[in-house]
Protein backbone atom coordinates (compact mmCIF):
# COMPACT_ATOMS: atom_id res chain seq x y z
CA UNK A 1 -13.74 14.62 -0.92
CA UNK A 2 -13.09 17.08 -3.69
CA UNK A 3 -12.40 16.29 -7.33
CA UNK A 4 -8.71 17.21 -7.01
CA UNK A 5 -8.19 14.51 -4.35
CA UNK A 6 -10.14 11.92 -6.35
CA UNK A 7 -8.00 12.60 -9.42
CA UNK A 8 -4.81 12.23 -7.38
CA UNK A 9 -5.99 8.95 -5.84
CA UNK A 10 -7.05 7.61 -9.24
CA UNK A 11 -3.59 8.40 -10.62
CA UNK A 12 -2.19 5.78 -8.22
CA UNK A 13 -4.51 2.99 -9.45
CA UNK A 14 -1.69 1.38 -11.42
CA UNK A 15 0.63 1.33 -8.38
CA UNK A 16 -1.74 0.41 -5.53
CA UNK A 17 -4.54 -2.11 -5.22
CA UNK A 18 -8.18 -1.07 -5.26
CA UNK A 19 -8.54 -2.17 -1.61
CA UNK A 20 -5.67 0.07 -0.46
CA UNK A 21 -7.05 3.05 -2.35
CA UNK A 22 -10.55 2.52 -0.97
CA UNK A 23 -9.08 2.33 2.56
CA UNK A 24 -7.25 5.60 1.95
CA UNK A 25 -10.51 7.25 0.93
CA UNK A 26 -12.35 5.77 3.92
CA UNK A 27 -9.81 6.69 6.60
CA UNK A 28 -8.51 9.96 5.19
CA UNK A 29 -8.73 12.78 7.76
CA UNK A 30 -10.99 15.68 6.84
CA UNK A 31 -8.26 18.31 7.15
CA UNK A 32 -5.64 16.69 4.94
CA UNK A 33 -3.91 18.78 2.28
CA UNK A 34 -3.12 17.69 -1.26
CA UNK A 35 0.59 17.61 -0.38
CA UNK A 36 -0.07 15.38 2.64
CA UNK A 37 -2.25 13.05 0.56
CA UNK A 38 0.51 12.73 -2.02
CA UNK A 39 3.01 11.90 0.74
CA UNK A 40 0.67 9.24 2.12
CA UNK A 41 0.20 7.65 -1.30
CA UNK A 42 3.94 7.75 -2.04
CA UNK A 43 4.67 6.07 1.31
CA UNK A 44 2.10 3.37 0.55
CA UNK A 45 3.71 2.75 -2.85
CA UNK A 46 7.12 2.46 -1.14
CA UNK A 47 5.78 -0.02 1.43
CA UNK A 48 4.07 -2.05 -1.28
CA UNK A 49 7.17 -2.21 -3.46
CA UNK A 50 9.39 -3.28 -0.53
CA UNK A 51 6.96 -6.04 0.50
CA UNK A 52 7.19 -7.86 -2.84
CA UNK A 53 9.38 -10.95 -2.75
CA UNK A 54 12.17 -11.61 -5.20
CA UNK A 55 11.51 -14.08 -8.04
CA UNK A 56 12.75 -17.53 -7.07
CA UNK A 57 12.54 -16.87 -3.33
CA UNK A 58 11.75 -20.04 -1.37
CA UNK A 59 8.62 -18.78 0.35
CA UNK A 60 7.34 -22.26 1.19
CA UNK A 61 10.57 -23.21 2.93
CA UNK A 62 10.81 -19.92 4.81
CA UNK A 63 7.16 -20.23 5.89
CA UNK A 64 7.63 -23.80 7.10
CA UNK A 65 10.70 -22.79 9.11
CA UNK A 66 8.82 -19.89 10.66
CA UNK A 67 5.92 -22.12 11.69
CA UNK A 68 8.09 -24.95 12.98
CA UNK A 69 10.72 -22.91 14.77
CA UNK A 70 8.72 -21.99 17.90
CA UNK A 71 7.95 -25.69 18.50
């Protein structure tokens, strides 16, 4: 991986976890362009931001309902 890609990935360290970034480095195809890498990282940031719950959300209650419902 060239220095340009490493710099781009490091610029996302405040938006994505270290595990996600290390997985990107590990599974990144050899023939990816800088533009494609940026699109991948932006998509990961979008997915991460949408997966965060709202403050005050009743996660315990929702989890208990989800576990108990099939029974």
